[in-house]
Amino acid sequence: MIRHRVESGERRPDMNMTALIVTGSPAGAIVAISVFVMGWAGIPQARPFILGSVVLGIAFGLLLWWKRR
């Protein structure tokens, strides 16, 4: 296992996810779905949080859609 020395600044991930811009295009949908699938498959402990976030997001989106109709 490779250990990184954080204090020396040697830790360089391949992609900085904070700099990733997800657009409203089909490519953005692919990125969003891919990140969701990786999180769902890779972090089983986060599944209740992910599921709750999806449910609350759908509920909030439907509420906004209903109020602005």
N, C-alpha and C. Protein backbone atom coordinates (compact mmCIF):
# COMPACT_ATOMS: atom_id res chain seq x y z
N MET A 1 0.84 -1.17 0.00
CA MET A 1 0.00 0.00 0.00
C MET A 1 0.89 1.24 0.00
N ILE A 2 0.54 2.21 -0.84
CA ILE A 2 1.31 3.44 -0.94
C ILE A 2 0.80 4.42 0.10
N ARG A 3 1.71 4.97 0.87
CA ARG A 3 1.35 5.99 1.86
C ARG A 3 1.80 7.34 1.34
N HIS A 4 0.92 8.33 1.46
CA HIS A 4 1.23 9.67 1.00
C HIS A 4 1.57 10.56 2.19
N ARG A 5 2.52 11.40 1.99
CA ARG A 5 2.87 12.37 3.02
C ARG A 5 2.12 13.65 2.73
N VAL A 6 1.04 13.89 3.48
CA VAL A 6 0.19 15.05 3.24
C VAL A 6 0.92 16.34 3.58
N GLU A 7 1.72 16.34 4.64
CA GLU A 7 2.37 17.57 5.06
C GLU A 7 3.41 18.06 4.06
N SER A 8 3.96 17.18 3.25
CA SER A 8 4.97 17.61 2.29
C SER A 8 4.36 18.00 0.95
N GLY A 9 3.07 17.83 0.79
CA GLY A 9 2.42 18.19 -0.46
C GLY A 9 2.61 17.17 -1.57
N GLU A 10 2.97 15.94 -1.24
CA GLU A 10 3.20 14.92 -2.26
C GLU A 10 1.93 14.26 -2.74
N ARG A 11 0.84 14.47 -2.07
CA ARG A 11 -0.40 13.79 -2.45
C ARG A 11 -1.04 14.53 -3.62
N ARG A 12 -1.04 13.89 -4.79
CA ARG A 12 -1.61 14.49 -5.97
C ARG A 12 -2.59 13.51 -6.61
N PRO A 13 -3.89 13.70 -6.41
CA PRO A 13 -4.85 12.78 -7.05
C PRO A 13 -4.84 12.96 -8.57
N ASP A 14 -5.28 11.95 -9.27
CA ASP A 14 -5.31 12.01 -10.73
C ASP A 14 -6.27 13.08 -11.23
N MET A 15 -7.39 13.25 -10.55
CA MET A 15 -8.37 14.24 -10.96
C MET A 15 -8.86 14.99 -9.73
N ASN A 16 -8.89 16.30 -9.81
CA ASN A 16 -9.42 17.11 -8.73
C ASN A 16 -10.92 17.26 -8.95
N MET A 17 -11.71 16.57 -8.14
CA MET A 17 -13.16 16.58 -8.32
C MET A 17 -13.78 17.94 -8.01
N THR A 18 -13.09 18.79 -7.25
CA THR A 18 -13.63 20.11 -6.95
C THR A 18 -13.56 21.03 -8.16
N ALA A 19 -12.71 20.72 -9.12
CA ALA A 19 -12.59 21.54 -10.32
C ALA A 19 -13.46 21.02 -11.46
N LEU A 20 -14.23 19.97 -11.23
CA LEU A 20 -15.05 19.36 -12.26
C LEU A 20 -16.35 20.15 -12.40
N ILE A 21 -16.63 20.62 -13.60
CA ILE A 21 -17.85 21.36 -13.87
C ILE A 21 -18.82 20.42 -14.58
N VAL A 22 -19.99 20.22 -13.99
CA VAL A 22 -21.01 19.35 -14.58
C VAL A 22 -22.05 20.23 -15.22
N THR A 23 -22.19 20.14 -16.53
CA THR A 23 -23.12 20.98 -17.27
C THR A 23 -24.50 20.32 -17.35
N GLY A 24 -25.44 21.02 -17.92
CA GLY A 24 -26.79 20.49 -18.09
C GLY A 24 -26.96 19.75 -19.40
N SER A 25 -25.90 19.25 -19.97
CA SER A 25 -25.95 18.54 -21.24
C SER A 25 -25.98 17.03 -20.99
N PRO A 26 -26.15 16.24 -22.05
CA PRO A 26 -26.08 14.78 -21.88
C PRO A 26 -24.75 14.32 -21.28
N ALA A 27 -23.66 15.01 -21.59
CA ALA A 27 -22.37 14.65 -21.00
C ALA A 27 -22.39 14.87 -19.49
N GLY A 28 -23.04 15.93 -19.04
CA GLY A 28 -23.18 16.18 -17.60
C GLY A 28 -24.00 15.11 -16.92
N ALA A 29 -25.04 14.63 -17.60
CA ALA A 29 -25.85 13.55 -17.05
C ALA A 29 -25.04 12.27 -16.92
N ILE A 30 -24.18 12.00 -17.89
CA ILE A 30 -23.33 10.81 -17.83
C ILE A 30 -22.38 10.90 -16.65
N VAL A 31 -21.79 12.09 -16.45
CA VAL A 31 -20.87 12.28 -15.33
C VAL A 31 -21.61 12.11 -14.01
N ALA A 32 -22.78 12.73 -13.87
CA ALA A 32 -23.54 12.66 -12.63
C ALA A 32 -23.97 11.23 -12.31
N ILE A 33 -24.43 10.51 -13.31
CA ILE A 33 -24.85 9.13 -13.11
C ILE A 33 -23.64 8.25 -12.77
N SER A 34 -22.51 8.50 -13.42
CA SER A 34 -21.30 7.72 -13.14
C SER A 34 -20.82 7.92 -11.71
N VAL A 35 -20.82 9.18 -11.25
CA VAL A 35 -20.40 9.46 -9.87
C VAL A 35 -21.37 8.80 -8.89
N PHE A 36 -22.66 8.83 -9.19
CA PHE A 36 -23.66 8.17 -8.34
C PHE A 36 -23.40 6.66 -8.26
N VAL A 37 -23.18 6.03 -9.40
CA VAL A 37 -22.95 4.58 -9.43
C VAL A 37 -21.66 4.21 -8.70
N MET A 38 -20.61 5.00 -8.90
CA MET A 38 -19.35 4.72 -8.20
C MET A 38 -19.52 4.86 -6.69
N GLY A 39 -20.24 5.88 -6.26
CA GLY A 39 -20.49 6.05 -4.83
C GLY A 39 -21.34 4.94 -4.27
N TRP A 40 -22.35 4.53 -5.01
CA TRP A 40 -23.25 3.46 -4.55
C TRP A 40 -22.52 2.13 -4.44
N ALA A 41 -21.69 1.82 -5.43
CA ALA A 41 -20.99 0.54 -5.44
C ALA A 41 -19.74 0.55 -4.56
N GLY A 42 -19.08 1.70 -4.48
CA GLY A 42 -17.80 1.74 -3.79
C GLY A 42 -17.86 2.03 -2.31
N ILE A 43 -18.95 2.65 -1.85
CA ILE A 43 -19.05 3.02 -0.43
C ILE A 43 -20.39 2.50 0.11
N PRO A 44 -20.46 1.23 0.49
CA PRO A 44 -21.73 0.68 0.96
C PRO A 44 -22.29 1.39 2.20
N GLN A 45 -21.41 1.94 3.05
CA GLN A 45 -21.87 2.62 4.25
C GLN A 45 -22.61 3.92 3.91
N ALA A 46 -22.40 4.46 2.73
CA ALA A 46 -23.02 5.72 2.34
C ALA A 46 -24.37 5.52 1.65
N ARG A 47 -24.80 4.28 1.45
CA ARG A 47 -26.04 4.03 0.72
C ARG A 47 -27.27 4.67 1.37
N PRO A 48 -27.43 4.63 2.70
CA PRO A 48 -28.60 5.32 3.28
C PRO A 48 -28.57 6.83 3.03
N PHE A 49 -27.39 7.44 3.10
CA PHE A 49 -27.26 8.86 2.83
C PHE A 49 -27.58 9.18 1.37
N ILE A 50 -27.05 8.37 0.45
CA ILE A 50 -27.30 8.59 -0.98
C ILE A 50 -28.77 8.42 -1.29
N LEU A 51 -29.38 7.38 -0.75
CA LEU A 51 -30.80 7.14 -0.99
C LEU A 51 -31.64 8.28 -0.42
N GLY A 52 -31.32 8.73 0.80
CA GLY A 52 -32.05 9.84 1.39
C GLY A 52 -31.88 11.12 0.60
N SER A 53 -30.68 11.36 0.08
CA SER A 53 -30.43 12.56 -0.73
C SER A 53 -31.24 12.53 -2.01
N VAL A 54 -31.32 11.37 -2.63
CA VAL A 54 -32.11 11.25 -3.87
C VAL A 54 -33.59 11.48 -3.57
N VAL A 55 -34.10 10.89 -2.50
CA VAL A 55 -35.52 11.05 -2.15
C VAL A 55 -35.83 12.51 -1.83
N LEU A 56 -34.98 13.16 -1.01
CA LEU A 56 -35.21 14.57 -0.68
C LEU A 56 -35.06 15.47 -1.90
N GLY A 57 -34.12 15.16 -2.78
CA GLY A 57 -33.96 15.94 -4.01
C GLY A 57 -35.17 15.85 -4.91
N ILE A 58 -35.72 14.64 -5.05
CA ILE A 58 -36.93 14.47 -5.87
C ILE A 58 -38.10 15.21 -5.23
N ALA A 59 -38.27 15.07 -3.91
CA ALA A 59 -39.37 15.75 -3.22
C ALA A 59 -39.25 17.27 -3.35
N PHE A 60 -38.05 17.81 -3.17
CA PHE A 60 -37.86 19.26 -3.27
C PHE A 60 -38.08 19.73 -4.71
N GLY A 61 -37.59 18.96 -5.69
CA GLY A 61 -37.80 19.31 -7.09
C GLY A 61 -39.27 19.30 -7.47
N LEU A 62 -40.00 18.30 -6.99
CA LEU A 62 -41.45 18.26 -7.26
C LEU A 62 -42.18 19.40 -6.58
N LEU A 63 -41.77 19.76 -5.37
CA LEU A 63 -42.39 20.89 -4.67
C LEU A 63 -42.16 22.20 -5.44
N LEU A 64 -40.94 22.43 -5.90
CA LEU A 64 -40.65 23.64 -6.67
C LEU A 64 -41.41 23.64 -7.99
N TRP A 65 -41.46 22.50 -8.65
CA TRP A 65 -42.19 22.40 -9.91
C TRP A 65 -43.68 22.69 -9.70
N TRP A 66 -44.25 22.13 -8.63
CA TRP A 66 -45.67 22.31 -8.35
C TRP A 66 -45.98 23.77 -8.00
N LYS A 67 -45.10 24.44 -7.22
CA LYS A 67 -45.35 25.83 -6.82
C LYS A 67 -45.21 26.79 -7.99
N ARG A 68 -44.40 26.49 -8.97
CA ARG A 68 -44.15 27.41 -10.08
C ARG A 68 -44.97 27.11 -11.33
N ARG A 69 -45.85 26.13 -11.27
CA ARG A 69 -46.69 25.80 -12.43
C ARG A 69 -47.67 26.88 -12.72
